[in-house]
C-alpha cells in the first residue's frame, strides 16, 4: 500500500474523497487510535502515513517504523504546540504556512518535507477546507517525489493549547477581537465562543462584521 491517511476532522472529508479517486486501492484510512497499531500497519506496509488532523499522541513504535507525516498550520519552528489556528488569529496573523513534517519525539520538532502558503480569512471550517486543498497537493507531491525532509530553521516560538474556558468572550474589548474569536472557533468539534449567565450558556457562531460598530452572529442558548 502506498499511503494511509489518519484523520478525525470532518472538514477534511473532501480531501479523503480526492485521495480515494487519486490512489484507489493504494490508499487506506485510519479513524481511531485502536487502528493505529504496529501489527496492523506491518501487514499494510505503507510507504507513508499522513496525519491531516489527529488528536492522539503518535507512539514511537509507529513513527520509528514508518514514514509518518503530520501537517501543522504554522511556519515551523514558529508556532510549535497546540491550537495553531486559534493562536495565529489571536496574534493577528492574516496568513501562515502549512508545514508537512516528519513525526519525531518532540512536539512539532520533526524535519520539514514541504511548506505552502495558507490564508487565514473566513471561519475555522473555511480555513480547514482551504488547508485540505493544500494537503492534496502536498501529499501527491511527497508520494511522487519522495523528498528528503530538512531540519527546521529559525527561532522557536511555542504555542500553548487552548482550553474550553478560553472560549469565553467576556474579556474582549473590540468588535474586531470578537469577530476573530467567534470565527476561529466556528468549526465542528471546537468549543464555540460563549457567554454565561447564572442559568444559561449563550454560544456564538457565523459572525459577520456589518459595520465597524455592528456585528451579526448566530446565537444558541443552552439552559444549564
N, C-alpha and C. Protein backbone atom coordinates (compact mmCIF):
# COMPACT_ATOMS: atom_id res chain seq x y z
N UNK A 1 0.85 -1.20 0.00
CA UNK A 1 0.00 0.00 0.00
C UNK A 1 0.88 1.25 0.00
N UNK A 2 0.50 2.22 -0.83
CA UNK A 2 1.32 3.43 -0.91
C UNK A 2 1.17 4.31 0.33
N UNK A 3 -0.09 4.62 0.69
CA UNK A 3 -0.27 5.58 1.79
C UNK A 3 -1.46 5.21 2.67
N UNK A 4 -1.39 5.67 3.91
CA UNK A 4 -2.51 5.64 4.84
C UNK A 4 -2.80 7.06 5.27
N UNK A 5 -4.07 7.37 5.50
CA UNK A 5 -4.49 8.69 5.95
C UNK A 5 -5.16 8.53 7.32
N UNK A 6 -4.56 9.14 8.34
CA UNK A 6 -5.13 9.12 9.69
C UNK A 6 -5.75 10.48 9.96
N UNK A 7 -7.07 10.52 10.07
CA UNK A 7 -7.77 11.81 10.17
C UNK A 7 -9.04 11.68 10.99
N UNK A 8 -9.29 12.68 11.85
CA UNK A 8 -10.53 12.70 12.65
C UNK A 8 -11.30 14.00 12.44
N UNK A 9 -10.88 14.83 11.51
CA UNK A 9 -11.54 16.11 11.28
C UNK A 9 -12.51 15.99 10.10
N UNK A 10 -13.83 16.16 10.34
CA UNK A 10 -14.80 16.03 9.24
C UNK A 10 -14.63 17.07 8.16
N UNK A 11 -13.93 18.17 8.46
CA UNK A 11 -13.70 19.20 7.45
C UNK A 11 -12.82 18.69 6.31
N UNK A 12 -12.12 17.58 6.53
CA UNK A 12 -11.23 17.04 5.51
C UNK A 12 -11.85 15.87 4.75
N UNK A 13 -13.18 15.77 4.76
CA UNK A 13 -13.87 14.69 4.04
C UNK A 13 -13.59 14.77 2.54
N UNK A 14 -13.57 15.98 1.99
CA UNK A 14 -13.31 16.15 0.56
C UNK A 14 -11.89 15.73 0.21
N UNK A 15 -10.96 16.00 1.12
CA UNK A 15 -9.58 15.56 0.93
C UNK A 15 -9.53 14.03 0.82
N UNK A 16 -10.26 13.36 1.70
CA UNK A 16 -10.28 11.90 1.66
C UNK A 16 -10.88 11.39 0.35
N UNK A 17 -11.96 12.02 -0.10
CA UNK A 17 -12.59 11.62 -1.36
C UNK A 17 -11.61 11.78 -2.53
N UNK A 18 -10.88 12.88 -2.53
CA UNK A 18 -9.90 13.12 -3.59
C UNK A 18 -8.84 12.02 -3.59
N UNK A 19 -8.34 11.66 -2.42
CA UNK A 19 -7.27 10.66 -2.33
C UNK A 19 -7.78 9.27 -2.72
N UNK A 20 -9.04 8.97 -2.43
CA UNK A 20 -9.62 7.69 -2.88
C UNK A 20 -9.60 7.61 -4.40
N UNK A 21 -9.99 8.70 -5.05
CA UNK A 21 -10.01 8.72 -6.51
C UNK A 21 -8.59 8.72 -7.08
N UNK A 22 -7.69 9.41 -6.42
CA UNK A 22 -6.32 9.54 -6.92
C UNK A 22 -5.54 8.23 -6.79
N UNK A 23 -5.65 7.57 -5.64
CA UNK A 23 -4.79 6.41 -5.36
C UNK A 23 -5.54 5.07 -5.38
N UNK A 24 -6.86 5.10 -5.42
CA UNK A 24 -7.61 3.85 -5.49
C UNK A 24 -7.29 2.90 -4.36
N UNK A 25 -6.92 1.67 -4.71
CA UNK A 25 -6.62 0.64 -3.71
C UNK A 25 -5.29 0.89 -2.98
N UNK A 26 -4.54 1.88 -3.42
CA UNK A 26 -3.25 2.18 -2.80
C UNK A 26 -3.37 3.15 -1.63
N UNK A 27 -4.60 3.49 -1.21
CA UNK A 27 -4.78 4.35 -0.06
C UNK A 27 -5.74 3.68 0.92
N UNK A 28 -5.43 3.82 2.21
CA UNK A 28 -6.30 3.33 3.27
C UNK A 28 -6.52 4.44 4.29
N UNK A 29 -7.53 4.26 5.16
CA UNK A 29 -7.90 5.32 6.08
C UNK A 29 -7.98 4.80 7.51
N UNK A 30 -7.45 5.60 8.42
CA UNK A 30 -7.45 5.29 9.85
C UNK A 30 -8.30 6.33 10.56
N UNK A 31 -9.26 5.86 11.36
CA UNK A 31 -10.20 6.77 12.00
C UNK A 31 -10.17 6.71 13.53
N UNK A 32 -9.38 5.82 14.09
CA UNK A 32 -9.36 5.69 15.54
C UNK A 32 -7.98 5.28 16.03
N UNK A 33 -7.73 5.55 17.29
CA UNK A 33 -6.45 5.21 17.92
C UNK A 33 -6.20 3.71 17.86
N UNK A 34 -7.28 2.92 18.00
CA UNK A 34 -7.15 1.46 18.00
C UNK A 34 -6.62 0.93 16.67
N UNK A 35 -6.94 1.62 15.59
CA UNK A 35 -6.48 1.19 14.27
C UNK A 35 -5.01 1.50 14.02
N UNK A 36 -4.47 2.40 14.83
CA UNK A 36 -3.07 2.81 14.65
C UNK A 36 -2.18 1.94 15.54
N UNK A 37 -2.00 0.69 15.15
CA UNK A 37 -1.17 -0.21 15.94
C UNK A 37 -0.13 -0.87 15.04
N UNK A 38 1.05 -1.17 15.59
CA UNK A 38 2.17 -1.64 14.78
C UNK A 38 1.89 -2.91 13.99
N UNK A 39 1.16 -3.86 14.59
CA UNK A 39 0.93 -5.13 13.91
C UNK A 39 0.08 -4.95 12.65
N UNK A 40 -1.00 -4.18 12.78
CA UNK A 40 -1.86 -3.94 11.63
C UNK A 40 -1.11 -3.18 10.54
N UNK A 41 -0.31 -2.19 10.95
CA UNK A 41 0.44 -1.40 9.98
C UNK A 41 1.53 -2.22 9.30
N UNK A 42 2.10 -3.16 10.03
CA UNK A 42 3.14 -4.01 9.45
C UNK A 42 2.59 -4.80 8.27
N UNK A 43 1.37 -5.28 8.42
CA UNK A 43 0.74 -6.05 7.33
C UNK A 43 0.46 -5.17 6.12
N UNK A 44 0.08 -3.90 6.38
CA UNK A 44 -0.23 -2.99 5.28
C UNK A 44 1.04 -2.43 4.63
N UNK A 45 2.07 -2.23 5.44
CA UNK A 45 3.38 -1.76 4.97
C UNK A 45 3.28 -0.51 4.10
N UNK A 46 2.70 0.58 4.61
CA UNK A 46 2.56 1.80 3.80
C UNK A 46 3.89 2.51 3.59
N UNK A 47 4.02 3.16 2.44
CA UNK A 47 5.20 3.99 2.20
C UNK A 47 5.16 5.23 3.08
N UNK A 48 3.94 5.78 3.28
CA UNK A 48 3.76 6.95 4.14
C UNK A 48 2.45 6.80 4.93
N UNK A 49 2.45 7.36 6.13
CA UNK A 49 1.21 7.57 6.87
C UNK A 49 1.07 9.07 7.07
N UNK A 50 0.02 9.66 6.50
CA UNK A 50 -0.22 11.09 6.61
C UNK A 50 -1.28 11.35 7.69
N UNK A 51 -1.05 12.40 8.48
CA UNK A 51 -1.95 12.76 9.56
C UNK A 51 -2.48 14.18 9.33
N UNK A 52 -3.55 14.35 8.55
CA UNK A 52 -4.11 15.69 8.35
C UNK A 52 -4.59 16.31 9.65
N UNK A 53 -5.24 15.51 10.50
CA UNK A 53 -5.73 16.02 11.79
C UNK A 53 -5.87 14.81 12.72
N UNK A 54 -5.05 14.79 13.77
CA UNK A 54 -5.02 13.64 14.67
C UNK A 54 -4.89 14.14 16.10
N UNK A 55 -5.76 13.65 17.00
CA UNK A 55 -5.83 14.19 18.36
C UNK A 55 -4.91 13.47 19.34
N UNK A 56 -4.55 12.24 19.04
CA UNK A 56 -3.77 11.43 19.97
C UNK A 56 -2.27 11.51 19.68
N UNK A 57 -1.47 11.21 20.69
CA UNK A 57 -0.03 11.14 20.51
C UNK A 57 0.30 9.93 19.63
N UNK A 58 1.18 10.13 18.67
CA UNK A 58 1.61 9.05 17.79
C UNK A 58 2.75 8.29 18.48
N UNK A 59 2.56 7.02 18.78
CA UNK A 59 3.57 6.27 19.53
C UNK A 59 4.91 6.16 18.78
N UNK A 60 5.98 6.08 19.53
CA UNK A 60 7.30 5.94 18.93
C UNK A 60 7.41 4.66 18.11
N UNK A 61 6.70 3.62 18.56
CA UNK A 61 6.73 2.35 17.82
C UNK A 61 6.17 2.52 16.41
N UNK A 62 5.34 3.55 16.21
CA UNK A 62 4.78 3.82 14.89
C UNK A 62 5.72 4.69 14.07
N UNK A 63 6.10 5.87 14.63
CA UNK A 63 6.87 6.80 13.81
C UNK A 63 8.32 6.36 13.60
N UNK A 64 8.81 5.44 14.43
CA UNK A 64 10.17 4.93 14.22
C UNK A 64 10.20 3.81 13.17
N UNK A 65 9.03 3.26 12.84
CA UNK A 65 8.96 2.16 11.89
C UNK A 65 8.41 2.56 10.53
N UNK A 66 7.70 3.69 10.48
CA UNK A 66 7.05 4.12 9.25
C UNK A 66 7.30 5.61 9.01
N UNK A 67 7.21 6.02 7.75
CA UNK A 67 7.33 7.44 7.42
C UNK A 67 6.01 8.14 7.77
N UNK A 68 5.98 8.77 8.92
CA UNK A 68 4.77 9.44 9.41
C UNK A 68 4.90 10.94 9.17
N UNK A 69 3.90 11.52 8.51
CA UNK A 69 3.93 12.94 8.15
C UNK A 69 2.71 13.63 8.75
N UNK A 70 2.95 14.65 9.56
CA UNK A 70 1.85 15.44 10.11
C UNK A 70 1.83 16.81 9.43
N UNK A 71 0.67 17.44 9.50
CA UNK A 71 0.51 18.79 8.94
C UNK A 71 0.25 19.75 10.09
N UNK A 72 1.00 20.86 10.09
CA UNK A 72 0.87 21.85 11.16
C UNK A 72 0.69 23.22 10.54
N UNK A 73 -0.29 23.96 11.05
CA UNK A 73 -0.72 25.20 10.41
C UNK A 73 0.12 26.41 10.83
N UNK A 74 1.44 26.23 10.92
CA UNK A 74 2.34 27.36 11.17
C UNK A 74 3.62 27.18 10.36
N UNK A 75 4.37 28.26 10.26
CA UNK A 75 5.65 28.25 9.57
C UNK A 75 6.71 27.80 10.57
N UNK A 76 6.79 26.51 10.82
CA UNK A 76 7.69 25.96 11.83
C UNK A 76 9.14 26.36 11.58
N UNK A 77 9.88 26.61 12.70
CA UNK A 77 9.58 26.31 14.10
C UNK A 77 8.73 27.36 14.84
N UNK A 78 8.25 28.37 14.12
CA UNK A 78 7.32 29.30 14.74
C UNK A 78 5.98 28.59 14.95
N UNK A 79 5.47 28.64 16.18
CA UNK A 79 4.15 28.09 16.44
C UNK A 79 4.11 26.62 16.75
N UNK A 80 5.18 26.07 17.29
CA UNK A 80 5.11 24.68 17.75
C UNK A 80 4.10 24.59 18.91
N UNK A 81 3.32 23.52 18.91
CA UNK A 81 2.39 23.33 20.02
C UNK A 81 0.94 23.30 19.60
N UNK A 82 0.05 23.44 20.58
CA UNK A 82 -1.37 23.23 20.37
C UNK A 82 -2.13 24.43 19.83
N UNK A 83 -3.33 24.16 19.31
CA UNK A 83 -4.27 25.17 18.83
C UNK A 83 -3.61 26.17 17.88
N UNK A 84 -2.90 25.72 16.84
CA UNK A 84 -2.18 26.66 15.99
C UNK A 84 -3.07 27.68 15.31
N UNK A 85 -4.21 27.26 14.77
CA UNK A 85 -5.09 28.21 14.07
C UNK A 85 -5.55 29.32 15.00
N UNK A 86 -6.04 28.95 16.17
CA UNK A 86 -6.55 29.94 17.11
C UNK A 86 -5.43 30.85 17.62
N UNK A 87 -4.28 30.28 17.91
CA UNK A 87 -3.17 31.09 18.39
C UNK A 87 -2.67 32.06 17.32
N UNK A 88 -2.71 31.66 16.08
CA UNK A 88 -2.32 32.57 14.99
C UNK A 88 -3.28 33.75 14.88
N UNK A 89 -4.58 33.46 14.89
CA UNK A 89 -5.58 34.52 14.73
C UNK A 89 -5.57 35.47 15.91
N UNK A 90 -5.45 34.93 17.12
CA UNK A 90 -5.37 35.78 18.31
C UNK A 90 -4.18 36.73 18.22
N UNK A 91 -3.11 36.29 17.60
CA UNK A 91 -1.91 37.13 17.46
C UNK A 91 -1.97 38.07 16.26
N UNK A 92 -3.08 38.05 15.54
CA UNK A 92 -3.28 38.99 14.46
C UNK A 92 -2.75 38.57 13.11
N UNK A 93 -2.38 37.30 12.95
CA UNK A 93 -1.86 36.84 11.66
C UNK A 93 -2.98 36.75 10.62
N UNK A 94 -2.72 37.21 9.43
CA UNK A 94 -3.66 37.14 8.32
C UNK A 94 -3.35 35.97 7.39
N UNK A 95 -2.16 35.44 7.49
CA UNK A 95 -1.74 34.30 6.68
C UNK A 95 -0.70 33.51 7.45
N UNK A 96 -0.42 32.31 6.97
CA UNK A 96 0.55 31.45 7.63
C UNK A 96 1.15 30.54 6.57
N UNK A 97 1.89 29.54 6.98
CA UNK A 97 2.36 28.50 6.08
C UNK A 97 1.97 27.15 6.67
N UNK A 98 1.48 26.28 5.83
CA UNK A 98 1.14 24.93 6.24
C UNK A 98 2.40 24.08 6.10
N UNK A 99 2.84 23.49 7.20
CA UNK A 99 4.07 22.69 7.20
C UNK A 99 3.74 21.20 7.21
N UNK A 100 4.38 20.46 6.33
CA UNK A 100 4.32 19.00 6.36
C UNK A 100 5.63 18.51 6.93
N UNK A 101 5.57 17.84 8.07
CA UNK A 101 6.80 17.48 8.76
C UNK A 101 6.82 16.02 9.18
N UNK A 102 7.99 15.49 9.31
CA UNK A 102 8.19 14.11 9.75
C UNK A 102 7.98 14.04 11.26
N UNK A 103 7.21 13.06 11.70
CA UNK A 103 6.95 12.91 13.13
C UNK A 103 8.24 12.54 13.85
N UNK A 104 8.51 13.25 14.95
CA UNK A 104 9.69 12.99 15.77
C UNK A 104 9.27 12.96 17.23
N UNK A 105 10.23 12.80 18.10
CA UNK A 105 9.92 12.64 19.53
C UNK A 105 9.32 13.89 20.14
N UNK A 106 9.84 15.06 19.83
CA UNK A 106 9.31 16.29 20.39
C UNK A 106 8.07 16.77 19.63
N UNK A 107 7.31 17.64 20.24
CA UNK A 107 6.09 18.16 19.62
C UNK A 107 6.45 19.13 18.49
N UNK A 108 6.08 18.77 17.28
CA UNK A 108 6.30 19.61 16.09
C UNK A 108 7.77 19.95 15.86
N UNK A 109 8.65 19.03 16.22
CA UNK A 109 10.10 19.27 16.09
C UNK A 109 10.71 18.60 14.88
N UNK A 110 9.93 17.79 14.16
CA UNK A 110 10.49 16.99 13.08
C UNK A 110 10.95 17.79 11.88
N UNK A 111 11.70 17.13 11.02
CA UNK A 111 12.20 17.75 9.80
C UNK A 111 11.05 18.03 8.82
N UNK A 112 11.25 19.03 7.99
CA UNK A 112 10.20 19.54 7.11
C UNK A 112 10.30 18.94 5.70
N UNK A 113 9.18 18.40 5.21
CA UNK A 113 9.10 17.94 3.83
C UNK A 113 8.74 19.09 2.90
N UNK A 114 7.68 19.80 3.24
CA UNK A 114 7.17 20.88 2.39
C UNK A 114 6.51 21.95 3.23
N UNK A 115 6.40 23.16 2.67
CA UNK A 115 5.59 24.23 3.24
C UNK A 115 4.84 24.92 2.10
N UNK A 116 3.59 25.33 2.40
CA UNK A 116 2.81 26.08 1.42
C UNK A 116 2.06 27.20 2.12
N UNK A 117 1.88 28.33 1.43
CA UNK A 117 1.21 29.49 1.99
C UNK A 117 -0.28 29.21 2.20
N UNK A 118 -0.81 29.70 3.33
CA UNK A 118 -2.21 29.49 3.68
C UNK A 118 -2.82 30.78 4.20
N UNK A 119 -3.92 31.20 3.59
CA UNK A 119 -4.63 32.41 4.02
C UNK A 119 -5.52 32.08 5.22
N UNK A 120 -5.67 33.04 6.15
CA UNK A 120 -6.42 32.80 7.38
C UNK A 120 -7.73 33.58 7.46
N UNK A 121 -8.28 33.97 6.33
CA UNK A 121 -9.56 34.66 6.35
C UNK A 121 -10.69 33.64 6.46
N UNK A 122 -11.88 34.11 6.91
CA UNK A 122 -13.04 33.24 6.98
C UNK A 122 -13.15 32.48 8.28
N UNK A 123 -14.12 31.56 8.32
CA UNK A 123 -14.35 30.77 9.53
C UNK A 123 -13.30 29.67 9.65
N UNK A 124 -13.26 29.06 10.82
CA UNK A 124 -12.32 27.95 11.04
C UNK A 124 -12.58 26.83 10.03
N UNK A 125 -13.85 26.53 9.78
CA UNK A 125 -14.17 25.48 8.82
C UNK A 125 -13.66 25.84 7.43
N UNK A 126 -13.85 27.09 7.01
CA UNK A 126 -13.38 27.52 5.70
C UNK A 126 -11.86 27.43 5.60
N UNK A 127 -11.18 27.75 6.69
CA UNK A 127 -9.71 27.67 6.70
C UNK A 127 -9.26 26.21 6.62
N UNK A 128 -9.96 25.32 7.34
CA UNK A 128 -9.62 23.90 7.27
C UNK A 128 -9.82 23.36 5.85
N UNK A 129 -10.90 23.76 5.21
CA UNK A 129 -11.15 23.32 3.83
C UNK A 129 -10.03 23.82 2.92
N UNK A 130 -9.63 25.06 3.11
CA UNK A 130 -8.53 25.63 2.31
C UNK A 130 -7.23 24.85 2.57
N UNK A 131 -7.00 24.51 3.84
CA UNK A 131 -5.82 23.73 4.17
C UNK A 131 -5.89 22.34 3.53
N UNK A 132 -7.10 21.78 3.48
CA UNK A 132 -7.26 20.48 2.85
C UNK A 132 -6.88 20.49 1.38
N UNK A 133 -7.18 21.60 0.69
CA UNK A 133 -6.79 21.73 -0.71
C UNK A 133 -5.27 21.71 -0.85
N UNK A 134 -4.59 22.37 0.07
CA UNK A 134 -3.13 22.36 0.05
C UNK A 134 -2.57 20.98 0.37
N UNK A 135 -3.23 20.29 1.30
CA UNK A 135 -2.77 18.94 1.66
C UNK A 135 -2.84 17.99 0.48
N UNK A 136 -3.87 18.14 -0.34
CA UNK A 136 -3.95 17.33 -1.56
C UNK A 136 -2.66 17.46 -2.36
N UNK A 137 -2.27 18.71 -2.63
CA UNK A 137 -1.08 18.96 -3.42
C UNK A 137 0.16 18.41 -2.74
N UNK A 138 0.24 18.60 -1.42
CA UNK A 138 1.44 18.20 -0.70
C UNK A 138 1.58 16.69 -0.63
N UNK A 139 0.47 16.00 -0.38
CA UNK A 139 0.52 14.54 -0.31
C UNK A 139 0.92 13.95 -1.66
N UNK A 140 0.30 14.44 -2.73
CA UNK A 140 0.63 13.94 -4.07
C UNK A 140 2.09 14.22 -4.39
N UNK A 141 2.57 15.40 -4.05
CA UNK A 141 3.97 15.75 -4.34
C UNK A 141 4.95 14.89 -3.55
N UNK A 142 4.65 14.68 -2.26
CA UNK A 142 5.55 13.87 -1.43
C UNK A 142 5.60 12.43 -1.93
N UNK A 143 4.44 11.86 -2.26
CA UNK A 143 4.40 10.48 -2.76
C UNK A 143 5.14 10.37 -4.09
N UNK A 144 4.98 11.38 -4.95
CA UNK A 144 5.58 11.34 -6.29
C UNK A 144 7.09 11.55 -6.27
N UNK A 145 7.57 12.43 -5.38
CA UNK A 145 8.98 12.83 -5.42
C UNK A 145 9.83 12.25 -4.30
N UNK A 146 9.16 11.73 -3.25
CA UNK A 146 9.88 11.15 -2.10
C UNK A 146 11.01 12.07 -1.63
N UNK A 147 10.68 13.32 -1.25
CA UNK A 147 11.73 14.27 -0.88
C UNK A 147 12.38 13.92 0.46
N UNK A 148 13.61 14.37 0.63
CA UNK A 148 14.29 14.21 1.91
C UNK A 148 13.92 15.39 2.81
N UNK A 149 13.37 15.14 3.99
CA UNK A 149 13.00 16.25 4.87
C UNK A 149 14.22 16.99 5.39
N UNK A 150 14.03 18.30 5.61
CA UNK A 150 15.13 19.14 6.07
C UNK A 150 14.88 19.66 7.47
N UNK A 151 15.94 19.84 8.20
CA UNK A 151 15.85 20.32 9.57
C UNK A 151 15.20 21.70 9.63
N UNK A 152 14.40 21.93 10.66
CA UNK A 152 13.76 23.23 10.85
C UNK A 152 14.82 24.31 11.11
N UNK A 153 14.56 25.51 10.60
CA UNK A 153 15.47 26.63 10.78
C UNK A 153 14.71 27.85 11.29
N UNK A 154 15.32 28.61 12.18
CA UNK A 154 14.71 29.84 12.69
C UNK A 154 14.45 29.77 14.18
N UNK A 155 13.86 30.84 14.68
CA UNK A 155 13.59 30.94 16.12
C UNK A 155 12.38 30.08 16.49
N UNK A 156 12.52 29.34 17.57
CA UNK A 156 11.43 28.50 18.07
C UNK A 156 10.46 29.36 18.88
N UNK A 157 9.19 29.35 18.49
CA UNK A 157 8.12 30.03 19.24
C UNK A 157 7.08 28.98 19.59
N UNK A 158 6.78 28.85 20.88
CA UNK A 158 5.86 27.81 21.34
C UNK A 158 4.45 28.36 21.52
N UNK A 159 3.46 27.57 21.10
CA UNK A 159 2.06 27.88 21.31
C UNK A 159 1.51 26.99 22.42
N UNK A 160 0.64 27.54 23.22
CA UNK A 160 0.00 26.78 24.29
C UNK A 160 -1.38 26.33 23.83
N UNK A 161 -1.69 25.07 24.07
CA UNK A 161 -3.01 24.55 23.70
C UNK A 161 -4.10 25.27 24.47
N UNK A 162 -5.11 25.74 23.77
CA UNK A 162 -6.21 26.45 24.41
C UNK A 162 -7.14 25.49 25.14
N UNK A 163 -7.79 26.02 26.17
CA UNK A 163 -8.73 25.25 26.97
C UNK A 163 -10.15 25.71 26.65
N UNK A 164 -11.17 24.87 26.94
CA UNK A 164 -12.55 25.26 26.66
C UNK A 164 -12.95 26.60 27.28
N UNK A 165 -12.44 26.89 28.47
CA UNK A 165 -12.80 28.15 29.12
C UNK A 165 -12.21 29.37 28.41
N UNK A 166 -11.23 29.14 27.54
CA UNK A 166 -10.67 30.25 26.77
C UNK A 166 -11.64 30.76 25.70
N UNK A 167 -12.74 30.03 25.49
CA UNK A 167 -13.73 30.45 24.50
C UNK A 167 -14.67 31.53 25.04
N UNK A 168 -14.58 31.83 26.32
CA UNK A 168 -15.41 32.87 26.92
C UNK A 168 -15.01 34.24 26.36
N UNK A 169 -16.01 35.02 25.92
CA UNK A 169 -15.72 36.30 25.28
C UNK A 169 -15.83 37.49 26.23
N UNK A 170 -16.04 37.23 27.51
CA UNK A 170 -16.34 38.31 28.46
C UNK A 170 -15.26 39.39 28.52
N UNK A 171 -14.01 39.01 28.31
CA UNK A 171 -12.92 39.97 28.46
C UNK A 171 -12.58 40.74 27.18
N UNK A 172 -13.21 40.41 26.06
CA UNK A 172 -12.89 41.07 24.80
C UNK A 172 -13.40 42.50 24.79
N UNK A 173 -12.67 43.39 24.10
CA UNK A 173 -12.97 44.82 24.17
C UNK A 173 -13.40 45.44 22.84
N UNK A 174 -13.12 44.79 21.71
CA UNK A 174 -13.46 45.38 20.42
C UNK A 174 -14.25 44.39 19.56
N UNK A 175 -15.00 44.92 18.59
CA UNK A 175 -15.75 44.05 17.69
C UNK A 175 -14.81 43.23 16.80
N UNK A 176 -13.66 43.78 16.46
CA UNK A 176 -12.70 43.04 15.66
C UNK A 176 -12.20 41.82 16.41
N UNK A 177 -11.91 42.01 17.70
CA UNK A 177 -11.49 40.88 18.54
C UNK A 177 -12.61 39.85 18.63
N UNK A 178 -13.83 40.32 18.81
CA UNK A 178 -14.97 39.43 18.94
C UNK A 178 -15.19 38.64 17.65
N UNK A 179 -15.11 39.33 16.52
CA UNK A 179 -15.27 38.67 15.23
C UNK A 179 -14.24 37.56 15.05
N UNK A 180 -12.98 37.88 15.31
CA UNK A 180 -11.91 36.88 15.17
C UNK A 180 -12.13 35.71 16.13
N UNK A 181 -12.56 36.02 17.35
CA UNK A 181 -12.75 34.99 18.36
C UNK A 181 -13.84 34.01 17.94
N UNK A 182 -14.94 34.55 17.42
CA UNK A 182 -16.05 33.68 17.01
C UNK A 182 -15.66 32.83 15.81
N UNK A 183 -15.03 33.44 14.80
CA UNK A 183 -14.74 32.70 13.57
C UNK A 183 -13.65 31.65 13.77
N UNK A 184 -12.72 31.89 14.66
CA UNK A 184 -11.62 30.93 14.83
C UNK A 184 -12.06 29.67 15.56
N UNK A 185 -13.24 29.73 16.18
CA UNK A 185 -13.78 28.56 16.89
C UNK A 185 -15.02 28.00 16.21
N UNK A 186 -15.30 28.50 15.01
CA UNK A 186 -16.53 28.16 14.31
C UNK A 186 -16.33 26.93 13.41
N UNK A 187 -16.08 25.79 14.05
CA UNK A 187 -15.92 24.53 13.34
C UNK A 187 -16.43 23.40 14.22
N UNK A 188 -16.87 22.33 13.60
CA UNK A 188 -17.39 21.20 14.34
C UNK A 188 -16.33 20.61 15.26
N UNK A 189 -16.73 20.37 16.51
CA UNK A 189 -15.82 19.78 17.47
C UNK A 189 -15.07 20.78 18.32
N UNK A 190 -15.18 22.07 18.00
CA UNK A 190 -14.49 23.10 18.78
C UNK A 190 -15.46 23.73 19.79
N UNK A 191 -14.95 24.15 20.94
CA UNK A 191 -15.82 24.84 21.91
C UNK A 191 -16.10 26.26 21.43
N UNK A 192 -17.32 26.50 20.95
CA UNK A 192 -17.65 27.79 20.35
C UNK A 192 -17.53 28.93 21.37
N UNK A 193 -17.36 30.14 20.85
CA UNK A 193 -17.34 31.34 21.70
C UNK A 193 -18.64 31.40 22.49
N UNK A 194 -18.53 31.89 23.73
CA UNK A 194 -19.73 31.87 24.57
C UNK A 194 -19.68 32.94 25.66
N UNK A 195 -20.85 33.21 26.20
CA UNK A 195 -21.04 33.95 27.45
C UNK A 195 -21.91 33.10 28.35
N UNK A 196 -21.79 33.29 29.66
CA UNK A 196 -22.62 32.55 30.60
C UNK A 196 -23.33 33.48 31.58
N UNK A 197 -24.55 33.12 31.90
CA UNK A 197 -25.27 33.74 33.00
C UNK A 197 -25.49 32.67 34.06
N UNK A 198 -26.21 33.01 35.06
CA UNK A 198 -26.44 32.03 36.13
C UNK A 198 -27.18 30.80 35.60
N UNK A 199 -28.07 31.00 34.63
CA UNK A 199 -28.93 29.91 34.18
C UNK A 199 -28.70 29.47 32.74
N UNK A 200 -27.94 30.26 31.96
CA UNK A 200 -27.81 29.96 30.54
C UNK A 200 -26.36 30.05 30.06
N UNK A 201 -26.08 29.29 29.02
CA UNK A 201 -24.83 29.42 28.27
C UNK A 201 -25.23 29.86 26.86
N UNK A 202 -24.66 30.99 26.42
CA UNK A 202 -25.02 31.59 25.14
C UNK A 202 -23.83 31.43 24.20
N UNK A 203 -24.01 30.65 23.13
CA UNK A 203 -22.93 30.33 22.21
C UNK A 203 -23.10 31.10 20.89
N UNK A 204 -21.96 31.46 20.28
CA UNK A 204 -21.97 32.31 19.09
C UNK A 204 -21.22 31.64 17.93
N UNK A 205 -21.83 31.68 16.74
CA UNK A 205 -21.20 31.18 15.52
C UNK A 205 -21.57 32.10 14.36
N UNK A 206 -20.92 31.87 13.19
CA UNK A 206 -21.26 32.59 11.95
C UNK A 206 -21.25 34.11 12.12
N UNK A 207 -20.14 34.63 12.56
CA UNK A 207 -20.02 36.07 12.78
C UNK A 207 -19.82 36.82 11.47
N UNK A 208 -20.37 38.03 11.42
CA UNK A 208 -20.21 38.89 10.25
C UNK A 208 -20.16 40.33 10.72
N UNK A 209 -19.12 41.04 10.32
CA UNK A 209 -18.99 42.46 10.66
C UNK A 209 -19.78 43.28 9.65
N UNK A 210 -20.95 43.77 10.06
CA UNK A 210 -21.78 44.58 9.17
C UNK A 210 -21.18 45.96 8.97
N UNK A 211 -20.78 46.59 10.07
CA UNK A 211 -20.06 47.87 10.05
C UNK A 211 -19.02 47.81 11.16
N UNK A 212 -18.28 48.90 11.32
CA UNK A 212 -17.28 48.91 12.38
C UNK A 212 -17.90 48.86 13.78
N UNK A 213 -19.22 49.15 13.86
CA UNK A 213 -19.89 49.18 15.15
C UNK A 213 -20.96 48.10 15.32
N UNK A 214 -21.16 47.27 14.28
CA UNK A 214 -22.23 46.27 14.33
C UNK A 214 -21.69 44.92 13.88
N UNK A 215 -21.90 43.89 14.70
CA UNK A 215 -21.53 42.53 14.37
C UNK A 215 -22.78 41.66 14.43
N UNK A 216 -23.03 40.90 13.37
CA UNK A 216 -24.14 39.95 13.35
C UNK A 216 -23.59 38.55 13.59
N UNK A 217 -24.35 37.73 14.31
CA UNK A 217 -23.91 36.38 14.62
C UNK A 217 -25.10 35.48 14.91
N UNK A 218 -24.92 34.18 14.73
CA UNK A 218 -25.93 33.22 15.13
C UNK A 218 -25.75 32.91 16.62
N UNK A 219 -26.87 32.75 17.31
CA UNK A 219 -26.84 32.54 18.76
C UNK A 219 -27.54 31.23 19.10
N UNK A 220 -26.95 30.48 19.98
CA UNK A 220 -27.56 29.24 20.52
C UNK A 220 -27.55 29.36 22.04
N UNK A 221 -28.71 29.22 22.65
CA UNK A 221 -28.84 29.37 24.10
C UNK A 221 -29.13 28.02 24.72
N UNK A 222 -28.30 27.62 25.65
CA UNK A 222 -28.43 26.32 26.30
C UNK A 222 -28.71 26.54 27.79
N UNK A 223 -29.77 25.91 28.28
CA UNK A 223 -30.09 26.02 29.71
C UNK A 223 -29.12 25.16 30.49
N UNK A 224 -28.56 25.72 31.55
CA UNK A 224 -27.62 24.98 32.38
C UNK A 224 -28.33 23.94 33.23
